[in-house]
């Protein structure tokens, strides 16, 4: 006989397949195809493993990987909010909270509580792990936009000040990665793919 716990876990696994259909504004490297949330989360997880040594503080890499893999699951219900959206805040919203409770609530209670706690920790951005996870989340689209001659910056008229304001969060997780990111931003201005 199948356990209720296993059936709940399978229901959750089936539900999160929907993340593959959530389109982001950013495009894949050197491409005109939009990235989806599943691709984004996978990429961040690998980045976290590869770049963990550059964290300014000791971090639990597995916890960071968990954060980046589940941080956008709420977008199944709440949708993706473009980081440079001028109408809607990119910060934690009521819609995301409802989504977290519903989607993670499909899991057995202990796992549901763990996933919600990890999601909340990422959103708060206060722990070393959350700071590094957010650094990865801000770095990936920067790399994508620079590979695409300005990408979403050009497409949506995003200026240097806004990019700098959003990307400086990288510094909280890694000063060396921030130095690299800041150099990319400055080079983008010099190349004319990011306007001041």
C-alpha atoms as a PDB file:
ATOM      1  CA  UNK A   1       0.000   0.000   0.000  1.00  0.00           C
ATOM      2  CA  UNK A   2       1.296   3.431  -0.932  1.00  0.00           C
ATOM      3  CA  UNK A   3       1.882   5.832   1.923  1.00  0.00           C
ATOM      4  CA  UNK A   4       0.002   9.113   2.137  1.00  0.00           C
ATOM      5  CA  UNK A   5       3.367  10.868   2.500  1.00  0.00           C
ATOM      6  CA  UNK A   6       4.619   9.501  -0.829  1.00  0.00           C
ATOM      7  CA  UNK A   7       1.394  10.436  -2.601  1.00  0.00           C
ATOM      8  CA  UNK A   8       1.631  14.017  -1.302  1.00  0.00           C
ATOM      9  CA  UNK A   9       5.247  14.249  -2.449  1.00  0.00           C
ATOM     10  CA  UNK A  10       4.300  12.957  -5.912  1.00  0.00           C
ATOM     11  CA  UNK A  11       1.447  15.509  -6.104  1.00  0.00           C
ATOM     12  CA  UNK A  12       3.954  18.264  -5.327  1.00  0.00           C
ATOM     13  CA  UNK A  13       6.401  16.968  -7.940  1.00  0.00           C
ATOM     14  CA  UNK A  14       3.653  16.966 -10.561  1.00  0.00           C
ATOM     15  CA  UNK A  15       2.526  20.470  -9.591  1.00  0.00           C
ATOM     16  CA  UNK A  16       5.963  22.046  -9.827  1.00  0.00           C
ATOM     17  CA  UNK A  17       6.323  20.847 -13.426  1.00  0.00           C
ATOM     18  CA  UNK A  18       4.326  24.013 -14.185  1.00  0.00           C
ATOM     19  CA  UNK A  19       7.424  26.107 -13.426  1.00  0.00           C
ATOM     20  CA  UNK A  20       8.751  25.043 -16.829  1.00  0.00           C
ATOM     21  CA  UNK A  21       6.006  27.157 -18.428  1.00  0.00           C
ATOM     22  CA  UNK A  22       6.750  30.388 -16.529  1.00  0.00           C
ATOM     23  CA  UNK A  23       8.574  32.615 -19.006  1.00  0.00           C
ATOM     24  CA  UNK A  24      11.067  35.188 -17.811  1.00  0.00           C
ATOM     25  CA  UNK A  25      11.903  38.421 -19.613  1.00  0.00           C
ATOM     26  CA  UNK A  26      15.592  37.537 -19.890  1.00  0.00           C
ATOM     27  CA  UNK A  27      16.804  35.473 -22.784  1.00  0.00           C
ATOM     28  CA  UNK A  28      19.252  32.587 -22.860  1.00  0.00           C
ATOM     29  CA  UNK A  29      22.912  33.432 -23.455  1.00  0.00           C
ATOM     30  CA  UNK A  30      23.500  34.648 -27.008  1.00  0.00           C
ATOM     31  CA  UNK A  31      19.910  33.833 -27.916  1.00  0.00           C
ATOM     32  CA  UNK A  32      16.553  35.368 -28.668  1.00  0.00           C
ATOM     33  CA  UNK A  33      14.662  32.665 -26.733  1.00  0.00           C
ATOM     34  CA  UNK A  34      13.252  33.598 -23.343  1.00  0.00           C
ATOM     35  CA  UNK A  35      14.408  31.592 -20.373  1.00  0.00           C
ATOM     36  CA  UNK A  36      11.835  29.815 -18.215  1.00  0.00           C
ATOM     37  CA  UNK A  37      11.864  29.629 -14.425  1.00  0.00           C
ATOM     38  CA  UNK A  38      13.001  25.992 -14.353  1.00  0.00           C
ATOM     39  CA  UNK A  39      16.021  26.764 -16.518  1.00  0.00           C
ATOM     40  CA  UNK A  40      16.792  29.795 -14.376  1.00  0.00           C
ATOM     41  CA  UNK A  41      16.600  27.841 -11.110  1.00  0.00           C
ATOM     42  CA  UNK A  42      18.762  25.002 -12.452  1.00  0.00           C
ATOM     43  CA  UNK A  43      21.372  27.476 -13.687  1.00  0.00           C
ATOM     44  CA  UNK A  44      21.494  29.255 -10.312  1.00  0.00           C
ATOM     45  CA  UNK A  45      21.957  25.926  -8.505  1.00  0.00           C
ATOM     46  CA  UNK A  46      24.958  25.032 -10.650  1.00  0.00           C
ATOM     47  CA  UNK A  47      26.333  28.564 -10.294  1.00  0.00           C
ATOM     48  CA  UNK A  48      26.028  28.326  -6.501  1.00  0.00           C
ATOM     49  CA  UNK A  49      28.019  25.084  -6.460  1.00  0.00           C
ATOM     50  CA  UNK A  50      30.703  26.377  -8.840  1.00  0.00           C
ATOM     51  CA  UNK A  51      31.074  29.839  -7.281  1.00  0.00           C
ATOM     52  CA  UNK A  52      30.600  28.978  -3.573  1.00  0.00           C
ATOM     53  CA  UNK A  53      34.304  29.524  -2.833  1.00  0.00           C
ATOM     54  CA  UNK A  54      33.807  33.212  -3.657  1.00  0.00           C
ATOM     55  CA  UNK A  55      31.321  33.783  -0.841  1.00  0.00           C
ATOM     56  CA  UNK A  56      32.647  36.337   1.646  1.00  0.00           C
ATOM     57  CA  UNK A  57      31.516  34.119   4.513  1.00  0.00           C
ATOM     58  CA  UNK A  58      31.226  30.407   5.186  1.00  0.00           C
ATOM     59  CA  UNK A  59      27.972  29.094   3.699  1.00  0.00           C
ATOM     60  CA  UNK A  60      25.993  25.876   3.663  1.00  0.00           C
ATOM     61  CA  UNK A  61      26.075  25.252  -0.095  1.00  0.00           C
ATOM     62  CA  UNK A  62      23.268  22.667   0.034  1.00  0.00           C
ATOM     63  CA  UNK A  63      21.027  25.243   1.692  1.00  0.00           C
ATOM     64  CA  UNK A  64      21.878  27.797  -1.009  1.00  0.00           C
ATOM     65  CA  UNK A  65      21.075  25.194  -3.684  1.00  0.00           C
ATOM     66  CA  UNK A  66      17.719  24.492  -2.011  1.00  0.00           C
ATOM     67  CA  UNK A  67      16.977  28.231  -1.932  1.00  0.00           C
ATOM     68  CA  UNK A  68      17.682  28.835  -5.590  1.00  0.00           C
ATOM     69  CA  UNK A  69      15.822  25.715  -6.689  1.00  0.00           C
ATOM     70  CA  UNK A  70      12.627  26.611  -4.837  1.00  0.00           C
ATOM     71  CA  UNK A  71      12.683  30.439  -4.722  1.00  0.00           C
ATOM     72  CA  UNK A  72      10.616  30.894  -7.901  1.00  0.00           C
ATOM     73  CA  UNK A  73       8.170  28.013  -7.445  1.00  0.00           C
ATOM     74  CA  UNK A  74       5.670  30.571  -6.131  1.00  0.00           C
ATOM     75  CA  UNK A  75       5.592  32.086  -9.609  1.00  0.00           C
ATOM     76  CA  UNK A  76       3.469  29.130 -10.738  1.00  0.00           C
ATOM     77  CA  UNK A  77       0.579  31.008  -9.123  1.00  0.00           C
ATOM     78  CA  UNK A  78       1.919  34.553  -8.737  1.00  0.00           C
ATOM     79  CA  UNK A  79       3.640  34.869 -12.119  1.00  0.00           C
ATOM     80  CA  UNK A  80       7.077  36.277 -12.803  1.00  0.00           C
ATOM     81  CA  UNK A  81       7.594  39.923 -11.912  1.00  0.00           C
ATOM     82  CA  UNK A  82      10.278  41.548 -14.037  1.00  0.00           C
ATOM     83  CA  UNK A  83      12.979  42.916 -11.751  1.00  0.00           C
ATOM     84  CA  UNK A  84      12.800  46.276 -13.527  1.00  0.00           C
ATOM     85  CA  UNK A  85       8.988  46.443 -13.528  1.00  0.00           C
ATOM     86  CA  UNK A  86       7.856  49.987 -12.784  1.00  0.00           C
ATOM     87  CA  UNK A  87       4.274  49.043 -11.882  1.00  0.00           C
ATOM     88  CA  UNK A  88       4.712  46.095  -9.520  1.00  0.00           C
ATOM     89  CA  UNK A  89       7.238  45.550  -6.727  1.00  0.00           C
ATOM     90  CA  UNK A  90       9.667  42.688  -7.172  1.00  0.00           C
ATOM     91  CA  UNK A  91       9.724  42.092  -3.412  1.00  0.00           C
ATOM     92  CA  UNK A  92       7.682  39.498  -1.564  1.00  0.00           C
ATOM     93  CA  UNK A  93       4.007  39.992  -2.296  1.00  0.00           C
ATOM     94  CA  UNK A  94       0.724  38.733  -0.877  1.00  0.00           C
ATOM     95  CA  UNK A  95       0.257  36.683  -4.068  1.00  0.00           C
ATOM     96  CA  UNK A  96       3.591  34.964  -3.505  1.00  0.00           C
ATOM     97  CA  UNK A  97       2.723  34.197   0.129  1.00  0.00           C
ATOM     98  CA  UNK A  98      -0.575  32.591  -0.933  1.00  0.00           C
ATOM     99  CA  UNK A  99       1.271  30.651  -3.622  1.00  0.00           C
ATOM    100  CA  UNK A 100       3.911  29.426  -1.163  1.00  0.00           C
ATOM    101  CA  UNK A 101       1.257  28.228   1.261  1.00  0.00           C
ATOM    102  CA  UNK A 102      -0.704  26.442  -1.469  1.00  0.00           C
ATOM    103  CA  UNK A 103       2.133  24.843  -3.429  1.00  0.00           C
ATOM    104  CA  UNK A 104       4.453  23.910  -0.567  1.00  0.00           C
ATOM    105  CA  UNK A 105       1.325  22.911   1.372  1.00  0.00           C
ATOM    106  CA  UNK A 106       0.916  19.979  -1.023  1.00  0.00           C
ATOM    107  CA  UNK A 107       3.901  18.369   0.702  1.00  0.00           C
ATOM    108  CA  UNK A 108       3.737  16.461   3.983  1.00  0.00           C
ATOM    109  CA  UNK A 109       3.622  18.982   6.828  1.00  0.00           C
ATOM    110  CA  UNK A 110       7.261  18.695   7.911  1.00  0.00           C
ATOM    111  CA  UNK A 111       8.558  19.210   4.370  1.00  0.00           C
ATOM    112  CA  UNK A 112       6.040  21.974   3.702  1.00  0.00           C
ATOM    113  CA  UNK A 113       7.252  23.843   6.765  1.00  0.00           C
ATOM    114  CA  UNK A 114      10.906  23.373   5.742  1.00  0.00           C
ATOM    115  CA  UNK A 115      10.324  24.639   2.191  1.00  0.00           C
ATOM    116  CA  UNK A 116       8.329  27.662   3.376  1.00  0.00           C
ATOM    117  CA  UNK A 117      11.058  28.471   5.901  1.00  0.00           C
ATOM    118  CA  UNK A 118      13.772  28.251   3.203  1.00  0.00           C
ATOM    119  CA  UNK A 119      11.674  30.381   0.819  1.00  0.00           C
ATOM    120  CA  UNK A 120      11.109  32.982   3.568  1.00  0.00           C
ATOM    121  CA  UNK A 121      14.828  33.022   4.395  1.00  0.00           C
ATOM    122  CA  UNK A 122      15.681  33.664   0.753  1.00  0.00           C
ATOM    123  CA  UNK A 123      13.095  36.440   0.510  1.00  0.00           C
ATOM    124  CA  UNK A 124      14.350  38.128   3.699  1.00  0.00           C
ATOM    125  CA  UNK A 125      17.918  38.057   2.357  1.00  0.00           C
ATOM    126  CA  UNK A 126      19.525  38.359   5.773  1.00  0.00           C
ATOM    127  CA  UNK A 127      21.496  35.125   6.287  1.00  0.00           C
ATOM    128  CA  UNK A 128      24.815  34.395   4.594  1.00  0.00           C
ATOM    129  CA  UNK A 129      23.141  31.710   2.489  1.00  0.00           C
ATOM    130  CA  UNK A 130      20.331  34.015   1.395  1.00  0.00           C
ATOM    131  CA  UNK A 131      22.787  36.784   0.501  1.00  0.00           C
ATOM    132  CA  UNK A 132      24.808  34.408  -1.653  1.00  0.00           C
ATOM    133  CA  UNK A 133      21.665  32.928  -3.250  1.00  0.00           C
ATOM    134  CA  UNK A 134      20.454  36.433  -4.103  1.00  0.00           C
ATOM    135  CA  UNK A 135      23.885  37.236  -5.535  1.00  0.00           C
ATOM    136  CA  UNK A 136      23.476  34.296  -7.920  1.00  0.00           C
ATOM    137  CA  UNK A 137      19.925  35.408  -8.757  1.00  0.00           C
ATOM    138  CA  UNK A 138      21.171  38.888  -9.714  1.00  0.00           C
ATOM    139  CA  UNK A 139      24.326  37.720 -11.504  1.00  0.00           C
ATOM    140  CA  UNK A 140      22.725  35.337 -14.002  1.00  0.00           C
ATOM    141  CA  UNK A 141      20.550  37.926 -15.818  1.00  0.00           C
ATOM    142  CA  UNK A 142      23.507  40.340 -15.857  1.00  0.00           C
ATOM    143  CA  UNK A 143      25.541  37.709 -17.702  1.00  0.00           C
ATOM    144  CA  UNK A 144      22.615  37.066 -20.043  1.00  0.00           C
ATOM    145  CA  UNK A 145      22.045  40.732 -20.850  1.00  0.00           C
ATOM    146  CA  UNK A 146      25.717  41.370 -21.542  1.00  0.00           C
ATOM    147  CA  UNK A 147      25.793  38.332 -23.869  1.00  0.00           C
ATOM    148  CA  UNK A 148      22.759  39.694 -25.750  1.00  0.00           C
ATOM    149  CA  UNK A 149      23.957  43.253 -26.476  1.00  0.00           C
ATOM    150  CA  UNK A 150      21.909  44.711 -23.657  1.00  0.00           C
ATOM    151  CA  UNK A 151      19.051  42.196 -23.781  1.00  0.00           C
ATOM    152  CA  UNK A 152      16.192  43.316 -21.573  1.00  0.00           C
ATOM    153  CA  UNK A 153      17.940  46.606 -20.778  1.00  0.00           C
ATOM    154  CA  UNK A 154      17.646  47.618 -24.421  1.00  0.00           C
ATOM    155  CA  UNK A 155      14.251  46.006 -24.950  1.00  0.00           C
ATOM    156  CA  UNK A 156      12.627  47.761 -21.974  1.00  0.00           C
ATOM    157  CA  UNK A 157      14.700  50.953 -21.823  1.00  0.00           C
ATOM    158  CA  UNK A 158      16.348  50.123 -18.498  1.00  0.00           C
ATOM    159  CA  UNK A 159      19.066  52.615 -17.565  1.00  0.00           C
ATOM    160  CA  UNK A 160      22.373  52.271 -15.742  1.00  0.00           C
ATOM    161  CA  UNK A 161      21.118  53.647 -12.393  1.00  0.00           C
ATOM    162  CA  UNK A 162      18.345  51.045 -12.172  1.00  0.00           C
ATOM    163  CA  UNK A 163      20.674  48.191 -13.151  1.00  0.00           C
ATOM    164  CA  UNK A 164      23.275  49.292 -10.610  1.00  0.00           C
ATOM    165  CA  UNK A 165      20.615  49.634  -7.895  1.00  0.00           C
ATOM    166  CA  UNK A 166      19.367  46.077  -8.468  1.00  0.00           C
ATOM    167  CA  UNK A 167      22.742  44.434  -9.022  1.00  0.00           C
ATOM    168  CA  UNK A 168      24.540  45.879  -5.997  1.00  0.00           C
ATOM    169  CA  UNK A 169      22.863  43.099  -3.969  1.00  0.00           C
ATOM    170  CA  UNK A 170      25.574  40.851  -5.410  1.00  0.00           C
ATOM    171  CA  UNK A 171      28.052  42.644  -3.130  1.00  0.00           C
ATOM    172  CA  UNK A 172      26.217  41.322  -0.056  1.00  0.00           C
ATOM    173  CA  UNK A 173      27.073  37.753  -1.049  1.00  0.00           C
ATOM    174  CA  UNK A 174      30.490  38.148  -2.623  1.00  0.00           C
ATOM    175  CA  UNK A 175      32.743  41.158  -2.975  1.00  0.00           C
ATOM    176  CA  UNK A 176      34.870  39.448  -5.643  1.00  0.00           C
ATOM    177  CA  UNK A 177      31.841  38.518  -7.762  1.00  0.00           C
ATOM    178  CA  UNK A 178      30.545  42.074  -7.270  1.00  0.00           C
ATOM    179  CA  UNK A 179      33.864  43.468  -8.555  1.00  0.00           C
ATOM    180  CA  UNK A 180      33.425  41.337 -11.675  1.00  0.00           C
ATOM    181  CA  UNK A 181      29.745  42.339 -12.029  1.00  0.00           C
ATOM    182  CA  UNK A 182      30.488  46.041 -11.589  1.00  0.00           C
ATOM    183  CA  UNK A 183      33.167  45.771 -14.288  1.00  0.00           C
ATOM    184  CA  UNK A 184      30.592  44.155 -16.621  1.00  0.00           C
ATOM    185  CA  UNK A 185      28.123  46.972 -15.940  1.00  0.00           C
ATOM    186  CA  UNK A 186      30.755  49.638 -16.644  1.00  0.00           C
ATOM    187  CA  UNK A 187      31.874  47.846 -19.833  1.00  0.00           C
ATOM    188  CA  UNK A 188      28.233  47.680 -20.936  1.00  0.00           C
ATOM    189  CA  UNK A 189      28.011  51.467 -20.650  1.00  0.00           C
ATOM    190  CA  UNK A 190      31.260  51.869 -22.604  1.00  0.00           C
ATOM    191  CA  UNK A 191      29.931  49.557 -25.348  1.00  0.00           C
ATOM    192  CA  UNK A 192      26.678  51.507 -25.489  1.00  0.00           C
ATOM    193  CA  UNK A 193      24.491  48.510 -24.589  1.00  0.00           C
ATOM    194  CA  UNK A 194      23.512  50.135 -21.274  1.00  0.00           C
ATOM    195  CA  UNK A 195      22.535  53.787 -21.275  1.00  0.00           C
ATOM    196  CA  UNK A 196      23.275  56.219 -18.453  1.00  0.00           C
END
